[in-house]
C-alpha atoms as a PDB file:
ATOM      1  CA  UNK A   1       0.003  -0.002  -0.010  1.00  0.00           C
ATOM      2  CA  UNK A   2       1.168   3.490  -0.808  1.00  0.00           C
ATOM      3  CA  UNK A   3      -0.147   6.986  -0.225  1.00  0.00           C
ATOM      4  CA  UNK A   4      -1.608   9.096  -3.006  1.00  0.00           C
ATOM      5  CA  UNK A   5      -0.458  12.555  -3.950  1.00  0.00           C
ATOM      6  CA  UNK A   6      -3.795  14.043  -2.823  1.00  0.00           C
ATOM      7  CA  UNK A   7      -2.379  15.399   0.445  1.00  0.00           C
ATOM      8  CA  UNK A   8       0.895  16.883   1.575  1.00  0.00           C
ATOM      9  CA  UNK A   9       2.503  16.925   5.001  1.00  0.00           C
ATOM     10  CA  UNK A  10       3.124  20.398   6.403  1.00  0.00           C
ATOM     11  CA  UNK A  11       4.467  21.633   9.747  1.00  0.00           C
ATOM     12  CA  UNK A  12       2.361  24.510  10.996  1.00  0.00           C
ATOM     13  CA  UNK A  13       2.858  26.002  14.402  1.00  0.00           C
ATOM     14  CA  UNK A  14       4.723  22.938  15.625  1.00  0.00           C
ATOM     15  CA  UNK A  15       2.004  20.543  14.435  1.00  0.00           C
ATOM     16  CA  UNK A  16       2.142  18.039  11.613  1.00  0.00           C
ATOM     17  CA  UNK A  17      -0.819  18.503   9.273  1.00  0.00           C
ATOM     18  CA  UNK A  18      -2.044  16.584   6.226  1.00  0.00           C
ATOM     19  CA  UNK A  19      -3.277  19.174   3.840  1.00  0.00           C
ATOM     20  CA  UNK A  20      -5.543  18.045   0.918  1.00  0.00           C
ATOM     21  CA  UNK A  21      -4.529  19.255  -2.519  1.00  0.00           C
ATOM     22  CA  UNK A  22      -6.238  19.258  -5.937  1.00  0.00           C
ATOM     23  CA  UNK A  23      -9.629  17.604  -6.084  1.00  0.00           C
ATOM     24  CA  UNK A  24      -9.277  16.335  -2.494  1.00  0.00           C
ATOM     25  CA  UNK A  25      -9.686  19.880  -1.163  1.00  0.00           C
ATOM     26  CA  UNK A  26     -13.326  19.648  -2.095  1.00  0.00           C
ATOM     27  CA  UNK A  27     -13.706  16.029  -0.912  1.00  0.00           C
ATOM     28  CA  UNK A  28     -11.933  16.306   2.449  1.00  0.00           C
ATOM     29  CA  UNK A  29     -12.556  19.959   3.213  1.00  0.00           C
ATOM     30  CA  UNK A  30     -10.399  19.618   6.377  1.00  0.00           C
ATOM     31  CA  UNK A  31      -6.837  19.410   7.665  1.00  0.00           C
ATOM     32  CA  UNK A  32      -5.752  16.259   9.491  1.00  0.00           C
ATOM     33  CA  UNK A  33      -3.524  16.750  12.540  1.00  0.00           C
ATOM     34  CA  UNK A  34      -0.996  13.914  12.984  1.00  0.00           C
ATOM     35  CA  UNK A  35       0.692  12.772  16.107  1.00  0.00           C
ATOM     36  CA  UNK A  36       4.296  11.496  15.953  1.00  0.00           C
ATOM     37  CA  UNK A  37       3.263   7.983  15.029  1.00  0.00           C
ATOM     38  CA  UNK A  38       0.716   9.087  12.381  1.00  0.00           C
ATOM     39  CA  UNK A  39       3.333  11.360  10.809  1.00  0.00           C
ATOM     40  CA  UNK A  40       5.805   8.486  10.613  1.00  0.00           C
ATOM     41  CA  UNK A  41       3.208   6.159   9.097  1.00  0.00           C
ATOM     42  CA  UNK A  42       2.451   8.803   6.479  1.00  0.00           C
ATOM     43  CA  UNK A  43       6.171   9.236   5.718  1.00  0.00           C
ATOM     44  CA  UNK A  44       6.687   5.465   5.394  1.00  0.00           C
ATOM     45  CA  UNK A  45       3.771   5.173   3.012  1.00  0.00           C
ATOM     46  CA  UNK A  46       5.800   7.089   0.423  1.00  0.00           C
ATOM     47  CA  UNK A  47       7.017   3.572  -0.399  1.00  0.00           C
ATOM     48  CA  UNK A  48       4.804   0.666  -1.297  1.00  0.00           C
ATOM     49  CA  UNK A  49       4.666  -1.384   1.911  1.00  0.00           C
ATOM     50  CA  UNK A  50       2.586  -4.269   3.147  1.00  0.00           C
ATOM     51  CA  UNK A  51       0.720  -3.799   6.429  1.00  0.00           C
ATOM     52  CA  UNK A  52       3.083  -6.282   8.085  1.00  0.00           C
ATOM     53  CA  UNK A  53       6.156  -4.308   6.923  1.00  0.00           C
ATOM     54  CA  UNK A  54       4.620  -1.024   8.048  1.00  0.00           C
ATOM     55  CA  UNK A  55       3.759  -2.481  11.519  1.00  0.00           C
ATOM     56  CA  UNK A  56       7.270  -3.922  11.859  1.00  0.00           C
ATOM     57  CA  UNK A  57       8.874  -0.572  10.981  1.00  0.00           C
ATOM     58  CA  UNK A  58       6.706   1.398  13.405  1.00  0.00           C
ATOM     59  CA  UNK A  59       7.261  -1.212  16.170  1.00  0.00           C
ATOM     60  CA  UNK A  60      10.992  -1.115  15.700  1.00  0.00           C
ATOM     61  CA  UNK A  61      11.259   2.666  15.497  1.00  0.00           C
ATOM     62  CA  UNK A  62       9.045   3.294  18.537  1.00  0.00           C
ATOM     63  CA  UNK A  63      10.366   0.410  20.621  1.00  0.00           C
ATOM     64  CA  UNK A  64       7.049  -1.415  20.977  1.00  0.00           C
ATOM     65  CA  UNK A  65       5.933  -4.905  20.121  1.00  0.00           C
ATOM     66  CA  UNK A  66       4.150  -5.409  16.798  1.00  0.00           C
ATOM     67  CA  UNK A  67       1.067  -6.727  18.599  1.00  0.00           C
ATOM     68  CA  UNK A  68       0.828  -3.398  20.493  1.00  0.00           C
ATOM     69  CA  UNK A  69       1.121  -1.070  17.444  1.00  0.00           C
ATOM     70  CA  UNK A  70      -0.840  -3.160  14.913  1.00  0.00           C
ATOM     71  CA  UNK A  71      -4.334  -2.063  16.003  1.00  0.00           C
ATOM     72  CA  UNK A  72      -3.415   1.612  15.901  1.00  0.00           C
ATOM     73  CA  UNK A  73      -1.614   1.332  12.547  1.00  0.00           C
ATOM     74  CA  UNK A  74      -4.587  -0.565  11.091  1.00  0.00           C
ATOM     75  CA  UNK A  75      -7.008   1.985  12.359  1.00  0.00           C
ATOM     76  CA  UNK A  76      -5.032   4.901  10.906  1.00  0.00           C
ATOM     77  CA  UNK A  77      -4.536   3.112   7.597  1.00  0.00           C
ATOM     78  CA  UNK A  78      -8.299   2.508   7.369  1.00  0.00           C
ATOM     79  CA  UNK A  79      -8.918   6.197   7.997  1.00  0.00           C
ATOM     80  CA  UNK A  80      -6.465   7.111   5.230  1.00  0.00           C
ATOM     81  CA  UNK A  81      -8.189   4.648   2.959  1.00  0.00           C
ATOM     82  CA  UNK A  82     -11.602   6.121   3.822  1.00  0.00           C
ATOM     83  CA  UNK A  83     -10.346   9.613   2.996  1.00  0.00           C
ATOM     84  CA  UNK A  84      -9.071   8.319  -0.354  1.00  0.00           C
ATOM     85  CA  UNK A  85      -5.422   8.986   0.523  1.00  0.00           C
ATOM     86  CA  UNK A  86      -4.132   5.495  -0.241  1.00  0.00           C
ATOM     87  CA  UNK A  87      -3.673   4.051  -3.733  1.00  0.00           C
ATOM     88  CA  UNK A  88      -6.168   1.328  -4.565  1.00  0.00           C
END
């Protein structure tokens, strides 16, 4: 899975924001504030990764077990998918 080009990551006032661009401005009509983990997931999705690879990377980088981070990663990925920010 890989992110689309329909949103860009911007730092505004010390916060990481996903900003919709192009046609997504009309569809999303909102900014998405990301925490540290969400930001890293978004950055990692620049490459085409399986969910298992994504979970392993996040677990390793944040020093947590895969079983602990998997539910949160899956939840965030599903939100991104729902917003149309992941390639089909």
